[in-house]
PDB file of N, CA and C in Angstrom:
ATOM      1  N   MET A   1      10.656  -4.285   8.562  1.00  0.00           N
ATOM      2  CA  MET A   1       9.576  -5.206   8.339  1.00  0.00           C
ATOM      3  C   MET A   1       8.570  -5.100   9.483  1.00  0.00           C
ATOM      4  N   PRO A   2       7.304  -4.915   9.166  1.00  0.00           N
ATOM      5  CA  PRO A   2       6.290  -4.831  10.220  1.00  0.00           C
ATOM      6  C   PRO A   2       6.178  -6.133  11.016  1.00  0.00           C
ATOM      7  N   ARG A   3       6.033  -5.965  12.323  1.00  0.00           N
ATOM      8  CA  ARG A   3       5.759  -7.071  13.236  1.00  0.00           C
ATOM      9  C   ARG A   3       4.346  -6.851  13.761  1.00  0.00           C
ATOM     10  N   VAL A   4       3.529  -7.875  13.726  1.00  0.00           N
ATOM     11  CA  VAL A   4       2.132  -7.757  14.101  1.00  0.00           C
ATOM     12  C   VAL A   4       1.845  -8.693  15.272  1.00  0.00           C
ATOM     13  N   CYS A   5       1.235  -8.151  16.304  1.00  0.00           N
ATOM     14  CA  CYS A   5       0.791  -8.939  17.443  1.00  0.00           C
ATOM     15  C   CYS A   5      -0.686  -8.641  17.644  1.00  0.00           C
ATOM     16  N   PHE A   6      -1.451  -9.688  17.933  1.00  0.00           N
ATOM     17  CA  PHE A   6      -2.889  -9.509  18.112  1.00  0.00           C
ATOM     18  C   PHE A   6      -3.402 -10.442  19.189  1.00  0.00           C
ATOM     19  N   GLN A   7      -4.614 -10.132  19.661  1.00  0.00           N
ATOM     20  CA  GLN A   7      -5.233 -10.996  20.663  1.00  0.00           C
ATOM     21  C   GLN A   7      -6.656 -11.346  20.271  1.00  0.00           C
ATOM     22  N   LEU A   8      -7.052 -12.534  20.676  1.00  0.00           N
ATOM     23  CA  LEU A   8      -8.409 -13.035  20.520  1.00  0.00           C
ATOM     24  C   LEU A   8      -8.773 -13.794  21.786  1.00  0.00           C
ATOM     25  N   GLN A   9     -10.025 -14.151  21.919  1.00  0.00           N
ATOM     26  CA  GLN A   9     -10.453 -14.918  23.078  1.00  0.00           C
ATOM     27  C   GLN A   9     -11.089 -16.223  22.616  1.00  0.00           C
ATOM     28  N   VAL A  10     -10.439 -17.318  22.965  1.00  0.00           N
ATOM     29  CA  VAL A  10     -10.983 -18.645  22.705  1.00  0.00           C
ATOM     30  C   VAL A  10     -11.910 -18.993  23.866  1.00  0.00           C
ATOM     31  N   ASP A  11     -13.005 -19.655  23.563  1.00  0.00           N
ATOM     32  CA  ASP A  11     -13.912 -20.113  24.611  1.00  0.00           C
ATOM     33  C   ASP A  11     -13.141 -21.034  25.556  1.00  0.00           C
ATOM     34  N   PRO A  12     -13.037 -20.697  26.828  1.00  0.00           N
ATOM     35  CA  PRO A  12     -12.256 -21.520  27.757  1.00  0.00           C
ATOM     36  C   PRO A  12     -12.722 -22.974  27.828  1.00  0.00           C
ATOM     37  N   GLN A  13     -13.976 -23.235  27.491  1.00  0.00           N
ATOM     38  CA  GLN A  13     -14.487 -24.606  27.491  1.00  0.00           C
ATOM     39  C   GLN A  13     -14.071 -25.381  26.247  1.00  0.00           C
ATOM     40  N   ARG A  14     -13.461 -24.695  25.271  1.00  0.00           N
ATOM     41  CA  ARG A  14     -13.118 -25.322  23.985  1.00  0.00           C
ATOM     42  C   ARG A  14     -11.611 -25.358  23.729  1.00  0.00           C
ATOM     43  N   LEU A  15     -10.800 -25.153  24.751  1.00  0.00           N
ATOM     44  CA  LEU A  15      -9.348 -25.072  24.569  1.00  0.00           C
ATOM     45  C   LEU A  15      -8.762 -26.355  24.001  1.00  0.00           C
ATOM     46  N   ASP A  16      -9.206 -27.507  24.485  1.00  0.00           N
ATOM     47  CA  ASP A  16      -8.670 -28.768  23.968  1.00  0.00           C
ATOM     48  C   ASP A  16      -8.952 -28.910  22.475  1.00  0.00           C
ATOM     49  N   GLU A  17     -10.153 -28.533  22.066  1.00  0.00           N
ATOM     50  CA  GLU A  17     -10.494 -28.618  20.642  1.00  0.00           C
ATOM     51  C   GLU A  17      -9.684 -27.614  19.826  1.00  0.00           C
ATOM     52  N   TYR A  18      -9.487 -26.417  20.372  1.00  0.00           N
ATOM     53  CA  TYR A  18      -8.668 -25.423  19.675  1.00  0.00           C
ATOM     54  C   TYR A  18      -7.254 -25.967  19.451  1.00  0.00           C
ATOM     55  N   ARG A  19      -6.682 -26.536  20.497  1.00  0.00           N
ATOM     56  CA  ARG A  19      -5.336 -27.120  20.380  1.00  0.00           C
ATOM     57  C   ARG A  19      -5.316 -28.268  19.373  1.00  0.00           C
ATOM     58  N   ARG A  20      -6.327 -29.118  19.408  1.00  0.00           N
ATOM     59  CA  ARG A  20      -6.390 -30.249  18.491  1.00  0.00           C
ATOM     60  C   ARG A  20      -6.417 -29.778  17.036  1.00  0.00           C
ATOM     61  N   ARG A  21      -7.256 -28.793  16.742  1.00  0.00           N
ATOM     62  CA  ARG A  21      -7.348 -28.303  15.359  1.00  0.00           C
ATOM     63  C   ARG A  21      -6.051 -27.640  14.903  1.00  0.00           C
ATOM     64  N   HIS A  22      -5.356 -26.972  15.808  1.00  0.00           N
ATOM     65  CA  HIS A  22      -4.102 -26.327  15.413  1.00  0.00           C
ATOM     66  C   HIS A  22      -2.914 -27.276  15.385  1.00  0.00           C
ATOM     67  N   ALA A  23      -3.067 -28.456  15.914  1.00  0.00           N
ATOM     68  CA  ALA A  23      -2.005 -29.458  15.818  1.00  0.00           C
ATOM     69  C   ALA A  23      -1.908 -29.997  14.392  1.00  0.00           C
ATOM     70  N   ALA A  24      -2.964 -29.815  13.612  1.00  0.00           N
ATOM     71  CA  ALA A  24      -2.973 -30.309  12.231  1.00  0.00           C
ATOM     72  C   ALA A  24      -3.745 -29.331  11.344  1.00  0.00           C
ATOM     73  N   VAL A  25      -3.208 -28.123  11.199  1.00  0.00           N
ATOM     74  CA  VAL A  25      -3.829 -27.119  10.320  1.00  0.00           C
ATOM     75  C   VAL A  25      -3.818 -27.664   8.898  1.00  0.00           C
ATOM     76  N   TRP A  26      -4.891 -27.411   8.178  1.00  0.00           N
ATOM     77  CA  TRP A  26      -4.994 -27.883   6.795  1.00  0.00           C
ATOM     78  C   TRP A  26      -3.762 -27.436   6.002  1.00  0.00           C
ATOM     79  N   PRO A  27      -3.159 -28.350   5.233  1.00  0.00           N
ATOM     80  CA  PRO A  27      -1.985 -27.967   4.422  1.00  0.00           C
ATOM     81  C   PRO A  27      -2.259 -26.790   3.496  1.00  0.00           C
ATOM     82  N   GLU A  28      -3.462 -26.738   2.910  1.00  0.00           N
ATOM     83  CA  GLU A  28      -3.770 -25.632   1.997  1.00  0.00           C
ATOM     84  C   GLU A  28      -3.877 -24.306   2.753  1.00  0.00           C
ATOM     85  N   MET A  29      -4.267 -24.355   4.015  1.00  0.00           N
ATOM     86  CA  MET A  29      -4.309 -23.127   4.816  1.00  0.00           C
ATOM     87  C   MET A  29      -2.900 -22.682   5.170  1.00  0.00           C
ATOM     88  N   LEU A  30      -2.045 -23.614   5.509  1.00  0.00           N
ATOM     89  CA  LEU A  30      -0.646 -23.262   5.780  1.00  0.00           C
ATOM     90  C   LEU A  30      -0.025 -22.579   4.562  1.00  0.00           C
ATOM     91  N   ARG A  31      -0.267 -23.138   3.385  1.00  0.00           N
ATOM     92  CA  ARG A  31       0.278 -22.542   2.153  1.00  0.00           C
ATOM     93  C   ARG A  31      -0.331 -21.167   1.884  1.00  0.00           C
ATOM     94  N   GLU A  32      -1.615 -21.001   2.215  1.00  0.00           N
ATOM     95  CA  GLU A  32      -2.290 -19.713   1.996  1.00  0.00           C
ATOM     96  C   GLU A  32      -1.703 -18.632   2.901  1.00  0.00           C
ATOM     97  N   ILE A  33      -1.419 -18.981   4.160  1.00  0.00           N
ATOM     98  CA  ILE A  33      -0.797 -18.021   5.083  1.00  0.00           C
ATOM     99  C   ILE A  33       0.563 -17.594   4.535  1.00  0.00           C
ATOM    100  N   ALA A  34       1.350 -18.556   4.070  1.00  0.00           N
ATOM    101  CA  ALA A  34       2.662 -18.245   3.495  1.00  0.00           C
ATOM    102  C   ALA A  34       2.517 -17.399   2.233  1.00  0.00           C
ATOM    103  N   ALA A  35       1.551 -17.739   1.370  1.00  0.00           N
ATOM    104  CA  ALA A  35       1.329 -16.968   0.138  1.00  0.00           C
ATOM    105  C   ALA A  35       0.901 -15.538   0.442  1.00  0.00           C
ATOM    106  N   ALA A  36       0.248 -15.333   1.587  1.00  0.00           N
ATOM    107  CA  ALA A  36      -0.162 -13.982   1.985  1.00  0.00           C
ATOM    108  C   ALA A  36       1.037 -13.140   2.407  1.00  0.00           C
ATOM    109  N   GLY A  37       2.155 -13.781   2.679  1.00  0.00           N
ATOM    110  CA  GLY A  37       3.352 -13.049   3.070  1.00  0.00           C
ATOM    111  C   GLY A  37       3.592 -12.999   4.564  1.00  0.00           C
ATOM    112  N   ARG A  38       2.855 -13.789   5.310  1.00  0.00           N
ATOM    113  CA  ARG A  38       3.086 -13.837   6.759  1.00  0.00           C
ATOM    114  C   ARG A  38       4.199 -14.842   7.050  1.00  0.00           C
ATOM    115  N   ARG A  39       5.149 -14.403   7.873  1.00  0.00           N
ATOM    116  CA  ARG A  39       6.287 -15.249   8.252  1.00  0.00           C
ATOM    117  C   ARG A  39       6.444 -15.214   9.766  1.00  0.00           C
ATOM    118  N   ASN A  40       7.176 -16.208  10.259  1.00  0.00           N
ATOM    119  CA  ASN A  40       7.469 -16.274  11.693  1.00  0.00           C
ATOM    120  C   ASN A  40       6.172 -16.149  12.505  1.00  0.00           C
ATOM    121  N   TYR A  41       5.146 -16.866  12.053  1.00  0.00           N
ATOM    122  CA  TYR A  41       3.806 -16.791  12.619  1.00  0.00           C
ATOM    123  C   TYR A  41       3.692 -17.757  13.797  1.00  0.00           C
ATOM    124  N   SER A  42       3.271 -17.258  14.946  1.00  0.00           N
ATOM    125  CA  SER A  42       3.084 -18.084  16.136  1.00  0.00           C
ATOM    126  C   SER A  42       1.804 -17.692  16.840  1.00  0.00           C
ATOM    127  N   LEU A  43       1.208 -18.662  17.524  1.00  0.00           N
ATOM    128  CA  LEU A  43       0.049 -18.437  18.377  1.00  0.00           C
ATOM    129  C   LEU A  43       0.385 -18.947  19.773  1.00  0.00           C
ATOM    130  N   PHE A  44      -0.031 -18.187  20.784  1.00  0.00           N
ATOM    131  CA  PHE A  44       0.218 -18.535  22.186  1.00  0.00           C
ATOM    132  C   PHE A  44      -1.132 -18.511  22.901  1.00  0.00           C
ATOM    133  N   LEU A  45      -1.411 -19.549  23.693  1.00  0.00           N
ATOM    134  CA  LEU A  45      -2.711 -19.690  24.323  1.00  0.00           C
ATOM    135  C   LEU A  45      -2.574 -19.811  25.839  1.00  0.00           C
ATOM    136  N   ARG A  46      -3.281 -18.945  26.563  1.00  0.00           N
ATOM    137  CA  ARG A  46      -3.301 -18.985  28.019  1.00  0.00           C
ATOM    138  C   ARG A  46      -4.415 -19.926  28.487  1.00  0.00           C
ATOM    139  N   PRO A  47      -4.315 -20.461  29.706  1.00  0.00           N
ATOM    140  CA  PRO A  47      -5.348 -21.373  30.212  1.00  0.00           C
ATOM    141  C   PRO A  47      -6.751 -20.773  30.290  1.00  0.00           C
ATOM    142  N   ASP A  48      -6.870 -19.445  30.330  1.00  0.00           N
ATOM    143  CA  ASP A  48      -8.198 -18.821  30.361  1.00  0.00           C
ATOM    144  C   ASP A  48      -8.734 -18.518  28.960  1.00  0.00           C
ATOM    145  N   GLY A  49      -7.995 -18.929  27.931  1.00  0.00           N
ATOM    146  CA  GLY A  49      -8.457 -18.752  26.560  1.00  0.00           C
ATOM    147  C   GLY A  49      -7.903 -17.531  25.847  1.00  0.00           C
ATOM    148  N   LEU A  50      -7.131 -16.697  26.539  1.00  0.00           N
ATOM    149  CA  LEU A  50      -6.525 -15.549  25.863  1.00  0.00           C
ATOM    150  C   LEU A  50      -5.536 -16.080  24.831  1.00  0.00           C
ATOM    151  N   LEU A  51      -5.729 -15.679  23.594  1.00  0.00           N
ATOM    152  CA  LEU A  51      -4.875 -16.105  22.485  1.00  0.00           C
ATOM    153  C   LEU A  51      -4.082 -14.902  21.991  1.00  0.00           C
ATOM    154  N   ILE A  52      -2.776 -15.053  21.934  1.00  0.00           N
ATOM    155  CA  ILE A  52      -1.904 -14.007  21.397  1.00  0.00           C
ATOM    156  C   ILE A  52      -1.245 -14.558  20.134  1.00  0.00           C
ATOM    157  N   GLY A  53      -1.338 -13.786  19.067  1.00  0.00           N
ATOM    158  CA  GLY A  53      -0.713 -14.167  17.809  1.00  0.00           C
ATOM    159  C   GLY A  53       0.359 -13.175  17.432  1.00  0.00           C
ATOM    160  N   TYR A  54       1.366 -13.665  16.699  1.00  0.00           N
ATOM    161  CA  TYR A  54       2.466 -12.819  16.244  1.00  0.00           C
ATOM    162  C   TYR A  54       2.898 -13.295  14.861  1.00  0.00           C
ATOM    163  N   TYR A  55       3.163 -12.330  13.980  1.00  0.00           N
ATOM    164  CA  TYR A  55       3.765 -12.655  12.691  1.00  0.00           C
ATOM    165  C   TYR A  55       4.495 -11.437  12.152  1.00  0.00           C
ATOM    166  N   GLU A  56       5.323 -11.689  11.165  1.00  0.00           N
ATOM    167  CA  GLU A  56       6.045 -10.626  10.455  1.00  0.00           C
ATOM    168  C   GLU A  56       5.628 -10.677   8.992  1.00  0.00           C
ATOM    169  N   THR A  57       5.614  -9.524   8.346  1.00  0.00           N
ATOM    170  CA  THR A  57       5.213  -9.454   6.950  1.00  0.00           C
ATOM    171  C   THR A  57       5.793  -8.193   6.318  1.00  0.00           C
ATOM    172  N   ASP A  58       5.941  -8.200   5.028  1.00  0.00           N
ATOM    173  CA  ASP A  58       6.398  -6.996   4.339  1.00  0.00           C
ATOM    174  C   ASP A  58       5.295  -5.949   4.246  1.00  0.00           C
ATOM    175  N   SER A  59       4.034  -6.417   4.181  1.00  0.00           N
ATOM    176  CA  SER A  59       2.905  -5.499   4.069  1.00  0.00           C
ATOM    177  C   SER A  59       1.698  -6.092   4.789  1.00  0.00           C
ATOM    178  N   VAL A  60       1.300  -5.457   5.873  1.00  0.00           N
ATOM    179  CA  VAL A  60       0.126  -5.909   6.617  1.00  0.00           C
ATOM    180  C   VAL A  60      -1.102  -5.825   5.722  1.00  0.00           C
ATOM    181  N   GLN A  61      -1.244  -4.739   4.969  1.00  0.00           N
ATOM    182  CA  GLN A  61      -2.411  -4.541   4.125  1.00  0.00           C
ATOM    183  C   GLN A  61      -2.507  -5.622   3.043  1.00  0.00           C
ATOM    184  N   ARG A  62      -1.379  -5.938   2.393  1.00  0.00           N
ATOM    185  CA  ARG A  62      -1.410  -6.977   1.348  1.00  0.00           C
ATOM    186  C   ARG A  62      -1.713  -8.345   1.939  1.00  0.00           C
ATOM    187  N   ALA A  63      -1.113  -8.659   3.091  1.00  0.00           N
ATOM    188  CA  ALA A  63      -1.352  -9.957   3.733  1.00  0.00           C
ATOM    189  C   ALA A  63      -2.822 -10.079   4.129  1.00  0.00           C
ATOM    190  N   ASP A  64      -3.365  -9.032   4.752  1.00  0.00           N
ATOM    191  CA  ASP A  64      -4.772  -9.054   5.155  1.00  0.00           C
ATOM    192  C   ASP A  64      -5.697  -9.172   3.947  1.00  0.00           C
ATOM    193  N   ALA A  65      -5.407  -8.424   2.893  1.00  0.00           N
ATOM    194  CA  ALA A  65      -6.245  -8.459   1.690  1.00  0.00           C
ATOM    195  C   ALA A  65      -6.199  -9.841   1.038  1.00  0.00           C
ATOM    196  N   HIS A  66      -5.027 -10.439   0.996  1.00  0.00           N
ATOM    197  CA  HIS A  66      -4.879 -11.771   0.400  1.00  0.00           C
ATOM    198  C   HIS A  66      -5.757 -12.769   1.143  1.00  0.00           C
ATOM    199  N   LEU A  67      -5.677 -12.765   2.475  1.00  0.00           N
ATOM    200  CA  LEU A  67      -6.449 -13.735   3.250  1.00  0.00           C
ATOM    201  C   LEU A  67      -7.941 -13.408   3.234  1.00  0.00           C
ATOM    202  N   ALA A  68      -8.295 -12.136   3.206  1.00  0.00           N
ATOM    203  CA  ALA A  68      -9.711 -11.747   3.150  1.00  0.00           C
ATOM    204  C   ALA A  68     -10.366 -12.235   1.856  1.00  0.00           C
ATOM    205  N   ALA A  69      -9.582 -12.318   0.777  1.00  0.00           N
ATOM    206  CA  ALA A  69     -10.101 -12.747  -0.518  1.00  0.00           C
ATOM    207  C   ALA A  69      -9.966 -14.260  -0.737  1.00  0.00           C
ATOM    208  N   SER A  70      -9.338 -14.942   0.183  1.00  0.00           N
ATOM    209  CA  SER A  70      -9.046 -16.367   0.017  1.00  0.00           C
ATOM    210  C   SER A  70     -10.229 -17.246   0.406  1.00  0.00           C
ATOM    211  N   ARG A  71     -10.626 -18.124  -0.489  1.00  0.00           N
ATOM    212  CA  ARG A  71     -11.691 -19.091  -0.182  1.00  0.00           C
ATOM    213  C   ARG A  71     -11.227 -20.062   0.894  1.00  0.00           C
ATOM    214  N   VAL A  72      -9.976 -20.495   0.824  1.00  0.00           N
ATOM    215  CA  VAL A  72      -9.432 -21.422   1.827  1.00  0.00           C
ATOM    216  C   VAL A  72      -9.460 -20.783   3.216  1.00  0.00           C
ATOM    217  N   ALA A  73      -9.020 -19.527   3.305  1.00  0.00           N
ATOM    218  CA  ALA A  73      -9.023 -18.834   4.598  1.00  0.00           C
ATOM    219  C   ALA A  73     -10.446 -18.665   5.115  1.00  0.00           C
ATOM    220  N   ALA A  74     -11.386 -18.364   4.242  1.00  0.00           N
ATOM    221  CA  ALA A  74     -12.784 -18.222   4.668  1.00  0.00           C
ATOM    222  C   ALA A  74     -13.313 -19.545   5.220  1.00  0.00           C
ATOM    223  N   LEU A  75     -12.986 -20.648   4.557  1.00  0.00           N
ATOM    224  CA  LEU A  75     -13.421 -21.965   5.036  1.00  0.00           C
ATOM    225  C   LEU A  75     -12.770 -22.318   6.369  1.00  0.00           C
ATOM    226  N   TRP A  76     -11.473 -21.988   6.522  1.00  0.00           N
ATOM    227  CA  TRP A  76     -10.780 -22.251   7.780  1.00  0.00           C
ATOM    228  C   TRP A  76     -11.417 -21.436   8.918  1.00  0.00           C
ATOM    229  N   GLU A  77     -11.660 -20.165   8.667  1.00  0.00           N
ATOM    230  CA  GLU A  77     -12.253 -19.316   9.696  1.00  0.00           C
ATOM    231  C   GLU A  77     -13.656 -19.798  10.059  1.00  0.00           C
ATOM    232  N   GLU A  78     -14.404 -20.284   9.090  1.00  0.00           N
ATOM    233  CA  GLU A  78     -15.719 -20.858   9.373  1.00  0.00           C
ATOM    234  C   GLU A  78     -15.569 -22.114  10.237  1.00  0.00           C
ATOM    235  N   HIS A  79     -14.580 -22.928   9.935  1.00  0.00           N
ATOM    236  CA  HIS A  79     -14.283 -24.156  10.683  1.00  0.00           C
ATOM    237  C   HIS A  79     -13.902 -23.834  12.131  1.00  0.00           C
ATOM    238  N   MET A  80     -13.260 -22.694  12.364  1.00  0.00           N
ATOM    239  CA  MET A  80     -12.772 -22.321  13.697  1.00  0.00           C
ATOM    240  C   MET A  80     -13.750 -21.452  14.476  1.00  0.00           C
ATOM    241  N   ALA A  81     -14.753 -20.906  13.834  1.00  0.00           N
ATOM    242  CA  ALA A  81     -15.616 -19.884  14.444  1.00  0.00           C
ATOM    243  C   ALA A  81     -16.271 -20.326  15.750  1.00  0.00           C
ATOM    244  N   ASP A  82     -16.629 -21.581  15.880  1.00  0.00           N
ATOM    245  CA  ASP A  82     -17.331 -22.036  17.080  1.00  0.00           C
ATOM    246  C   ASP A  82     -16.439 -22.091  18.317  1.00  0.00           C
ATOM    247  N   LEU A  83     -15.145 -21.866  18.145  1.00  0.00           N
ATOM    248  CA  LEU A  83     -14.206 -21.940  19.263  1.00  0.00           C
ATOM    249  C   LEU A  83     -13.951 -20.589  19.919  1.00  0.00           C
ATOM    250  N   PHE A  84     -14.397 -19.514  19.302  1.00  0.00           N
ATOM    251  CA  PHE A  84     -14.136 -18.167  19.797  1.00  0.00           C
ATOM    252  C   PHE A  84     -15.369 -17.586  20.477  1.00  0.00           C
ATOM    253  N   VAL A  85     -15.147 -16.652  21.395  1.00  0.00           N
ATOM    254  CA  VAL A  85     -16.275 -15.989  22.051  1.00  0.00           C
ATOM    255  C   VAL A  85     -16.815 -14.838  21.197  1.00  0.00           C
ATOM    256  N   SER A  86     -16.051 -14.356  20.240  1.00  0.00           N
ATOM    257  CA  SER A  86     -16.507 -13.267  19.363  1.00  0.00           C
ATOM    258  C   SER A  86     -17.271 -13.851  18.173  1.00  0.00           C
ATOM    259  N   THR A  87     -17.933 -12.966  17.446  1.00  0.00           N
ATOM    260  CA  THR A  87     -18.653 -13.385  16.254  1.00  0.00           C
ATOM    261  C   THR A  87     -17.905 -12.903  15.023  1.00  0.00           C
ATOM    262  N   GLY A  88     -18.202 -13.506  13.889  1.00  0.00           N
ATOM    263  CA  GLY A  88     -17.539 -13.135  12.653  1.00  0.00           C
ATOM    264  C   GLY A  88     -16.202 -13.846  12.511  1.00  0.00           C
ATOM    265  N   ARG A  89     -15.486 -13.503  11.459  1.00  0.00           N
ATOM    266  CA  ARG A  89     -14.186 -14.124  11.199  1.00  0.00           C
ATOM    267  C   ARG A  89     -13.174 -13.654  12.230  1.00  0.00           C
ATOM    268  N   ALA A  90     -12.601 -14.591  12.948  1.00  0.00           N
ATOM    269  CA  ALA A  90     -11.642 -14.254  13.999  1.00  0.00           C
ATOM    270  C   ALA A  90     -10.447 -13.491  13.441  1.00  0.00           C
ATOM    271  N   ASP A  91      -9.999 -13.851  12.243  1.00  0.00           N
ATOM    272  CA  ASP A  91      -8.827 -13.164  11.680  1.00  0.00           C
ATOM    273  C   ASP A  91      -9.114 -11.695  11.403  1.00  0.00           C
ATOM    274  N   GLN A  92     -10.380 -11.328  11.260  1.00  0.00           N
ATOM    275  CA  GLN A  92     -10.736  -9.944  11.003  1.00  0.00           C
ATOM    276  C   GLN A  92     -11.223  -9.224  12.259  1.00  0.00           C
ATOM    277  N   ALA A  93     -11.494  -9.988  13.322  1.00  0.00           N
ATOM    278  CA  ALA A  93     -11.978  -9.388  14.573  1.00  0.00           C
ATOM    279  C   ALA A  93     -10.873  -9.262  15.615  1.00  0.00           C
ATOM    280  N   ALA A  94      -9.685  -9.733  15.299  1.00  0.00           N
ATOM    281  CA  ALA A  94      -8.585  -9.712  16.263  1.00  0.00           C
ATOM    282  C   ALA A  94      -8.234  -8.282  16.657  1.00  0.00           C
ATOM    283  N   THR A  95      -7.869  -8.113  17.920  1.00  0.00           N
ATOM    284  CA  THR A  95      -7.456  -6.808  18.424  1.00  0.00           C
ATOM    285  C   THR A  95      -5.948  -6.666  18.257  1.00  0.00           C
ATOM    286  N   PRO A  96      -5.492  -5.715  17.423  1.00  0.00           N
ATOM    287  CA  PRO A  96      -4.046  -5.519  17.287  1.00  0.00           C
ATOM    288  C   PRO A  96      -3.464  -4.884  18.549  1.00  0.00           C
ATOM    289  N   LEU A  97      -2.251  -5.263  18.881  1.00  0.00           N
ATOM    290  CA  LEU A  97      -1.561  -4.722  20.048  1.00  0.00           C
ATOM    291  C   LEU A  97      -0.427  -3.817  19.588  1.00  0.00           C
ATOM    292  N   ASP A  98      -0.225  -2.704  20.293  1.00  0.00           N
ATOM    293  CA  ASP A  98       0.853  -1.781  19.970  1.00  0.00           C
ATOM    294  C   ASP A  98       2.179  -2.323  20.497  1.00  0.00           C
ATOM    295  N   GLU A  99       3.183  -2.276  19.662  1.00  0.00           N
ATOM    296  CA  GLU A  99       4.525  -2.679  20.093  1.00  0.00           C
ATOM    297  C   GLU A  99       5.140  -1.510  20.870  1.00  0.00           C
ATOM    298  N   VAL A 100       5.620  -1.777  22.073  1.00  0.00           N
ATOM    299  CA  VAL A 100       6.207  -0.726  22.898  1.00  0.00           C
ATOM    300  C   VAL A 100       7.698  -0.942  23.143  1.00  0.00           C
ATOM    301  N   PHE A 101       8.222  -2.098  22.781  1.00  0.00           N
ATOM    302  CA  PHE A 101       9.647  -2.374  22.969  1.00  0.00           C
ATOM    303  C   PHE A 101      10.076  -3.460  21.999  1.00  0.00           C
ATOM    304  N   HIS A 102      11.247  -3.260  21.386  1.00  0.00           N
ATOM    305  CA  HIS A 102      11.862  -4.265  20.530  1.00  0.00           C
ATOM    306  C   HIS A 102      13.361  -4.183  20.746  1.00  0.00           C
ATOM    307  N   LEU A 103      13.917  -5.232  21.295  1.00  0.00           N
ATOM    308  CA  LEU A 103      15.326  -5.248  21.685  1.00  0.00           C
ATOM    309  C   LEU A 103      16.249  -4.873  20.536  1.00  0.00           C
ATOM    310  N   GLU A 104      16.067  -5.490  19.369  1.00  0.00           N
ATOM    311  CA  GLU A 104      16.978  -5.221  18.256  1.00  0.00           C
ATOM    312  C   GLU A 104      16.937  -3.762  17.815  1.00  0.00           C
ATOM    313  N   ASP A 105      15.759  -3.144  17.844  1.00  0.00           N
ATOM    314  CA  ASP A 105      15.660  -1.723  17.481  1.00  0.00           C
ATOM    315  C   ASP A 105      16.452  -0.850  18.448  1.00  0.00           C
ATOM    316  N   GLN A 106      16.327  -1.138  19.735  1.00  0.00           N
ATOM    317  CA  GLN A 106      17.031  -0.312  20.716  1.00  0.00           C
ATOM    318  C   GLN A 106      18.537  -0.575  20.686  1.00  0.00           C
ATOM    319  N   LEU A 107      18.935  -1.818  20.452  1.00  0.00           N
ATOM    320  CA  LEU A 107      20.368  -2.100  20.320  1.00  0.00           C
ATOM    321  C   LEU A 107      20.943  -1.405  19.089  1.00  0.00           C
ATOM    322  N   ALA A 108      20.202  -1.411  17.990  1.00  0.00           N
ATOM    323  CA  ALA A 108      20.661  -0.733  16.779  1.00  0.00           C
ATOM    324  C   ALA A 108      20.800   0.765  17.017  1.00  0.00           C
ATOM    325  N   ALA A 109      19.872   1.344  17.768  1.00  0.00           N
ATOM    326  CA  ALA A 109      19.951   2.767  18.084  1.00  0.00           C
ATOM    327  C   ALA A 109      21.187   3.060  18.926  1.00  0.00           C
ATOM    328  N   LEU A 110      21.542   2.144  19.826  1.00  0.00           N
ATOM    329  CA  LEU A 110      22.767   2.321  20.609  1.00  0.00           C
ATOM    330  C   LEU A 110      23.991   2.336  19.722  1.00  0.00           C
ATOM    331  N   ASP A 111      23.997   1.456  18.738  1.00  0.00           N
ATOM    332  CA  ASP A 111      25.141   1.362  17.838  1.00  0.00           C
ATOM    333  C   ASP A 111      25.321   2.617  16.996  1.00  0.00           C
ATOM    334  N   THR A 112      24.210   3.282  16.661  1.00  0.00           N
ATOM    335  CA  THR A 112      24.303   4.462  15.800  1.00  0.00           C
ATOM    336  C   THR A 112      24.444   5.764  16.570  1.00  0.00           C
ATOM    337  N   ASP A 113      24.127   5.737  17.853  1.00  0.00           N
ATOM    338  CA  ASP A 113      24.173   6.977  18.619  1.00  0.00           C
ATOM    339  C   ASP A 113      24.613   6.707  20.056  1.00  0.00           C
ATOM    340  N   GLN A 114      25.841   6.348  20.227  1.00  0.00           N
ATOM    341  CA  GLN A 114      26.379   6.002  21.542  1.00  0.00           C
ATOM    342  C   GLN A 114      26.378   7.177  22.516  1.00  0.00           C
ATOM    343  N   ASP A 115      26.402   8.405  22.025  1.00  0.00           N
ATOM    344  CA  ASP A 115      26.559   9.570  22.891  1.00  0.00           C
ATOM    345  C   ASP A 115      25.261  10.029  23.558  1.00  0.00           C
ATOM    346  N   THR A 116      24.106   9.524  23.135  1.00  0.00           N
ATOM    347  CA  THR A 116      22.861  10.041  23.694  1.00  0.00           C
ATOM    348  C   THR A 116      22.404   9.302  24.944  1.00  0.00           C
ATOM    349  N   ALA A 117      22.931   8.110  25.192  1.00  0.00           N
ATOM    350  CA  ALA A 117      22.517   7.347  26.375  1.00  0.00           C
ATOM    351  C   ALA A 117      23.312   7.828  27.582  1.00  0.00           C
ATOM    352  N   PRO A 118      22.661   7.933  28.735  1.00  0.00           N
ATOM    353  CA  PRO A 118      23.397   8.343  29.935  1.00  0.00           C
ATOM    354  C   PRO A 118      24.452   7.281  30.304  1.00  0.00           C
ATOM    355  N   ALA A 119      25.604   7.757  30.713  1.00  0.00           N
ATOM    356  CA  ALA A 119      26.687   6.847  31.089  1.00  0.00           C
ATOM    357  C   ALA A 119      26.384   6.238  32.447  1.00  0.00           C
ATOM    358  N   GLU A 120      26.658   4.963  32.558  1.00  0.00           N
ATOM    359  CA  GLU A 120      26.491   4.291  33.844  1.00  0.00           C
ATOM    360  C   GLU A 120      27.776   4.426  34.617  1.00  0.00           C
ATOM    361  N   GLN A 121      27.654   4.643  35.898  1.00  0.00           N
ATOM    362  CA  GLN A 121      28.843   4.768  36.746  1.00  0.00           C
ATOM    363  C   GLN A 121      28.864   3.595  37.702  1.00  0.00           C
ATOM    364  N   GLU A 122      30.043   3.042  37.884  1.00  0.00           N
ATOM    365  CA  GLU A 122      30.197   1.952  38.846  1.00  0.00           C
ATOM    366  C   GLU A 122      30.468   2.543  40.229  1.00  0.00           C
ATOM    367  N   ASP A 123      29.881   1.914  41.232  1.00  0.00           N
ATOM    368  CA  ASP A 123      30.168   2.309  42.602  1.00  0.00           C
ATOM    369  C   ASP A 123      31.532   1.764  42.978  1.00  0.00           C
ATOM    370  N   ALA A 124      32.354   2.612  43.615  1.00  0.00           N
ATOM    371  CA  ALA A 124      33.704   2.188  43.980  1.00  0.00           C
ATOM    372  C   ALA A 124      33.737   1.578  45.361  1.00  0.00           C
TER     373      ALA A 124
END
């Protein structure tokens, strides 16, 4: 299952408002995100406005297409637009981040190929 991480920049002067709006996301928007196939969706916000998002989905393309065509998502993005330093729909302007490590993937690889990892030696 694809895991997606992205970053955006919230206006540092608008952090309180960003938090307030996300404390009560519109119910129809929550349902739209779920209908798009995004699961385990989280947003993390740094004090300087750096926003990191993460979600899992069966198909990034289908999830993105669903939300791009959604009237509810368009209205939500319009409602949120004044909080970001970028222009346009934030959900479409987000910078995707490359995944460089995933614990479960590496543990699974250990289970299937125990002989390829260098053996650790204890000091006597």
